[in-house]
Amino acid sequence: MKRFPGHLAAGTPTEPDGARPEPDGSPVGPEGSPVGPDGLPVGPDGSSAGPDPAAARILPALAVALARELSRRADEERHLMRQARTNPTPQVRRGLVECRRTNADALATIVRRHGWPTADLVGAPASTAALMILLHAPDLDFQLRCRDLIAQATADGRCPGPHHAYIADHCAVELGQPQFYGTRVDPATFRPYPIRRPETLEERRRDVGLGPLDEQMRTLRRGA
């Protein structure tokens, strides 16, 4: 397995629509996939045990349900983020914090049951939605665990390389360490947080499918 910078052993510090009830009262998600008490899709046996190493073999209807759930939650968070920018009242900010907390809890349940929602499992848009939820999760330990799952999935070709870059940099910055790919920007200075071995930065960015850092910064400035 190819190893990317920022991928260490788990735990090592570095970086659907809503469910509806069936006639018998048991909840099911979209496409008839079953859901647990928390409203999240579960496997055919209803188990919430650890992730199946062959998670990609889950039923297609369940994969669709997971994708819809992740996309719905990410869309809700984006809506609240826009509200918080245009109308930053305490109530709106509390709503965003609560949304991020519940989204992170839902993602943790999905990861526990099915492993990381890779692009080959739920599709690229939903996998990107999962990454957004993860980056805004309040639990750094959870982010560190998922970072290594994403690194392995990226090395296996089941997730886009930039997904690993974003979570690896996020975790590194949160731990007070230099980032690897320059994806985290300090909002106070509008410059990237410190970067590890900057002389080889562009090579690392190419390895994971990122464009030049200057191009990234120009895009950010245009959107500021």
Protein backbone atom coordinates (compact mmCIF):
# COMPACT_ATOMS: atom_id res chain seq x y z
CA MET A 1 0.00 0.00 0.00
CA LYS A 2 1.30 3.41 -0.94
CA ARG A 3 1.74 5.64 2.10
CA PHE A 4 1.15 9.38 1.93
CA PRO A 5 2.58 12.01 4.28
CA GLY A 6 0.31 12.45 7.26
CA HIS A 7 -0.70 8.77 7.39
CA LEU A 8 0.33 7.22 10.69
CA ALA A 9 -1.00 4.35 12.72
CA ALA A 10 -4.46 5.01 14.11
CA GLY A 11 -4.35 6.94 17.33
CA THR A 12 -0.85 8.29 16.78
CA PRO A 13 -0.89 12.08 17.18
CA THR A 14 0.30 14.10 14.10
CA GLU A 15 -3.36 15.59 11.69
CA PRO A 16 -31.76 10.66 2.44
CA ASP A 17 -33.92 11.76 2.99
CA GLY A 18 -35.51 11.31 6.39
CA ALA A 19 -36.52 7.84 7.51
CA ARG A 20 -40.17 6.84 7.15
CA PRO A 21 -42.00 4.07 9.03
CA GLU A 22 -43.10 0.84 7.44
CA PRO A 23 -46.68 -0.34 8.10
CA ASP A 24 -45.44 -2.42 11.03
CA GLY A 25 -43.82 0.63 12.59
CA SER A 26 -40.21 -0.31 11.82
CA PRO A 27 -38.31 2.57 10.19
CA VAL A 28 -36.80 2.27 6.75
CA GLY A 29 -34.76 4.70 4.70
CA PRO A 30 -34.87 5.52 1.00
CA GLU A 31 -35.19 2.60 -1.39
CA GLY A 32 -36.53 0.49 1.50
CA SER A 33 -33.19 0.19 3.30
CA PRO A 34 -33.57 -0.36 7.06
CA VAL A 35 -32.47 2.27 9.56
CA GLY A 36 -31.57 2.09 13.22
CA PRO A 37 -33.05 4.00 16.15
CA ASP A 38 -30.84 6.97 15.26
CA GLY A 39 -32.38 7.18 11.79
CA LEU A 40 -29.24 6.01 9.99
CA PRO A 41 -29.18 3.12 7.51
CA VAL A 42 -27.99 -0.25 8.81
CA GLY A 43 -27.04 -3.51 7.15
CA PRO A 44 -29.42 -6.35 6.32
CA ASP A 45 -28.86 -8.00 9.72
CA GLY A 46 -29.43 -4.76 11.63
CA SER A 47 -25.99 -5.04 13.18
CA SER A 48 -24.12 -1.97 14.34
CA ALA A 49 -20.87 -3.81 14.99
CA GLY A 50 -17.52 -2.66 13.66
CA PRO A 51 -17.04 -1.98 9.96
CA ASP A 52 -16.93 -4.90 7.54
CA PRO A 53 -13.51 -5.03 5.83
CA ALA A 54 -15.44 -5.69 2.61
CA ALA A 55 -17.74 -2.73 3.15
CA ALA A 56 -17.94 -2.13 -0.59
CA ARG A 57 -20.12 -5.25 -0.80
CA ILE A 58 -23.05 -3.66 1.03
CA LEU A 59 -26.37 -3.75 -0.77
CA PRO A 60 -26.76 -1.10 -3.50
CA ALA A 61 -29.92 0.27 -1.86
CA LEU A 62 -28.02 0.77 1.39
CA ALA A 63 -25.20 2.57 -0.42
CA VAL A 64 -27.79 4.87 -2.02
CA ALA A 65 -29.35 5.55 1.39
CA LEU A 66 -25.97 6.39 2.92
CA ALA A 67 -25.14 8.71 0.03
CA ARG A 68 -28.44 10.57 0.38
CA GLU A 69 -28.03 10.89 4.13
CA LEU A 70 -24.53 12.31 3.84
CA SER A 71 -25.47 14.72 1.07
CA ARG A 72 -28.56 15.92 2.94
CA ARG A 73 -26.57 16.61 6.08
CA ALA A 74 -23.80 18.42 4.22
CA ASP A 75 -26.35 20.55 2.34
CA GLU A 76 -28.02 21.50 5.64
CA GLU A 77 -24.68 22.54 7.10
CA ARG A 78 -23.78 24.62 4.03
CA HIS A 79 -27.14 26.39 4.30
CA LEU A 80 -26.47 27.23 7.95
CA MET A 81 -22.94 28.39 7.14
CA ARG A 82 -24.34 30.84 4.59
CA GLN A 83 -26.83 32.07 7.16
CA ALA A 84 -24.07 32.51 9.73
CA ARG A 85 -22.08 34.67 7.28
CA THR A 86 -25.00 36.91 6.32
CA ASN A 87 -26.87 36.95 9.65
CA PRO A 88 -24.40 36.02 12.41
CA THR A 89 -26.85 36.09 15.31
CA PRO A 90 -26.22 33.94 18.41
CA GLN A 91 -29.21 31.77 17.47
CA VAL A 92 -27.87 31.07 13.98
CA ARG A 93 -24.40 30.32 15.34
CA ARG A 94 -25.84 27.92 17.92
CA GLY A 95 -27.79 26.21 15.16
CA LEU A 96 -24.61 25.73 13.12
CA VAL A 97 -22.71 24.32 16.10
CA GLU A 98 -25.55 21.89 16.85
CA CYS A 99 -25.79 20.86 13.20
CA ARG A 100 -22.07 20.09 13.09
CA ARG A 101 -22.31 18.08 16.28
CA THR A 102 -25.23 15.95 15.10
CA ASN A 103 -23.67 15.51 11.66
CA ALA A 104 -20.43 14.30 13.26
CA ASP A 105 -22.37 11.85 15.45
CA ALA A 106 -24.18 10.51 12.38
CA LEU A 107 -20.92 10.17 10.46
CA ALA A 108 -19.32 8.34 13.39
CA THR A 109 -22.19 5.84 13.34
CA ILE A 110 -21.76 5.29 9.60
CA VAL A 111 -18.01 4.78 9.99
CA ARG A 112 -18.52 2.34 12.86
CA ARG A 113 -20.98 0.26 10.86
CA HIS A 114 -19.61 0.45 7.34
CA GLY A 115 -16.13 1.95 7.42
CA TRP A 116 -15.24 5.26 5.81
CA PRO A 117 -17.79 6.16 3.09
CA THR A 118 -15.41 5.94 0.16
CA ALA A 119 -16.12 7.23 -3.33
CA ASP A 120 -16.46 3.69 -4.67
CA LEU A 121 -19.03 2.91 -1.96
CA VAL A 122 -21.32 5.97 -1.92
CA GLY A 123 -20.11 7.96 -4.95
CA ALA A 124 -17.71 10.89 -5.13
CA PRO A 125 -20.20 13.66 -4.19
CA ALA A 126 -21.37 11.87 -1.04
CA SER A 127 -17.82 10.94 -0.07
CA THR A 128 -16.87 14.60 -0.41
CA ALA A 129 -19.90 15.49 1.75
CA ALA A 130 -18.60 13.08 4.40
CA LEU A 131 -15.22 14.78 4.29
CA MET A 132 -16.81 18.21 4.82
CA ILE A 133 -18.71 16.88 7.82
CA LEU A 134 -15.50 15.36 9.18
CA LEU A 135 -13.48 18.57 8.77
CA HIS A 136 -16.07 20.45 10.86
CA ALA A 137 -16.49 17.73 13.49
CA PRO A 138 -15.72 18.86 17.07
CA ASP A 139 -13.87 15.63 18.01
CA LEU A 140 -10.19 15.62 17.00
CA ASP A 141 -9.74 11.98 18.07
CA PHE A 142 -12.48 10.98 15.61
CA GLN A 143 -10.84 13.06 12.90
CA LEU A 144 -7.50 11.35 13.54
CA ARG A 145 -9.06 7.90 13.26
CA CYS A 146 -10.80 8.81 10.02
CA ARG A 147 -7.63 10.42 8.66
CA ASP A 148 -5.94 7.05 8.61
CA LEU A 149 -8.98 5.31 7.11
CA ILE A 150 -9.00 7.92 4.35
CA ALA A 151 -5.25 7.55 3.79
CA GLN A 152 -5.64 3.80 3.27
CA ALA A 153 -8.66 4.28 1.00
CA THR A 154 -6.72 6.85 -1.03
CA ALA A 155 -3.75 4.51 -1.38
CA ASP A 156 -6.14 1.75 -2.52
CA GLY A 157 -7.71 4.04 -5.13
CA ARG A 158 -11.10 4.22 -3.37
CA CYS A 159 -10.94 7.92 -2.45
CA PRO A 160 -9.55 10.96 -4.29
CA GLY A 161 -6.08 12.02 -3.20
CA PRO A 162 -7.16 15.53 -2.18
CA HIS A 163 -9.45 14.01 0.47
CA HIS A 164 -6.41 12.71 2.30
CA ALA A 165 -4.57 15.99 1.86
CA TYR A 166 -7.35 18.05 3.44
CA ILE A 167 -7.83 15.84 6.51
CA ALA A 168 -4.08 15.31 7.01
CA ASP A 169 -3.46 19.06 6.96
CA HIS A 170 -6.46 19.75 9.18
CA CYS A 171 -5.29 17.32 11.85
CA ALA A 172 -1.70 18.57 11.71
CA VAL A 173 -2.77 22.20 12.19
CA GLU A 174 -5.14 21.29 15.03
CA LEU A 175 -2.24 19.53 16.75
CA GLY A 176 0.00 22.58 16.34
CA GLN A 177 2.23 20.89 13.78
CA PRO A 178 3.28 21.92 10.25
CA GLN A 179 0.86 20.83 7.54
CA PHE A 180 1.88 18.66 4.60
CA TYR A 181 0.04 20.06 1.56
CA GLY A 182 -0.74 23.72 2.36
CA THR A 183 -4.51 23.33 2.22
CA ARG A 184 -5.20 25.05 5.57
CA VAL A 185 -5.15 28.85 5.45
CA ASP A 186 -5.01 31.10 8.49
CA PRO A 187 -8.08 33.39 8.27
CA ALA A 188 -6.28 36.09 10.23
CA THR A 189 -3.38 36.41 7.78
CA PHE A 190 -4.91 34.75 4.69
CA ARG A 191 -1.71 32.75 4.32
CA PRO A 192 -1.23 29.00 4.68
CA TYR A 193 -0.37 27.74 8.15
CA PRO A 194 3.29 26.59 8.48
CA ILE A 195 4.21 23.88 5.98
CA ARG A 196 6.53 20.94 6.55
CA ARG A 197 9.51 20.85 4.16
CA PRO A 198 8.22 23.65 1.91
CA GLU A 199 10.94 22.97 -0.66
CA THR A 200 9.13 19.74 -1.68
CA LEU A 201 5.57 21.02 -1.21
CA GLU A 202 4.62 21.18 -4.89
CA GLU A 203 5.79 17.61 -5.46
CA ARG A 204 3.59 16.38 -2.59
CA ARG A 205 0.63 18.36 -3.92
CA ARG A 206 1.07 16.79 -7.37
CA ASP A 207 1.22 13.32 -5.80
CA VAL A 208 -2.29 13.72 -4.35
CA GLY A 209 -3.79 15.54 -7.32
CA LEU A 210 -3.67 19.14 -6.05
CA GLY A 211 -2.69 22.06 -8.24
CA PRO A 212 0.05 24.56 -7.36
CA LEU A 213 -0.31 26.43 -4.08
CA ASP A 214 -0.27 29.81 -5.84
CA GLU A 215 -3.27 28.74 -7.90
CA GLN A 216 -5.12 27.67 -4.76
CA MET A 217 -4.44 31.02 -3.10
CA ARG A 218 -5.59 32.99 -6.15
CA THR A 219 -8.86 31.03 -6.13
CA LEU A 220 -9.33 31.71 -2.41
CA ARG A 221 -8.68 35.42 -2.83
CA ARG A 222 -11.20 35.68 -5.67
CA GLY A 223 -13.80 34.04 -3.45
CA ALA A 224 -13.00 36.10 -0.36
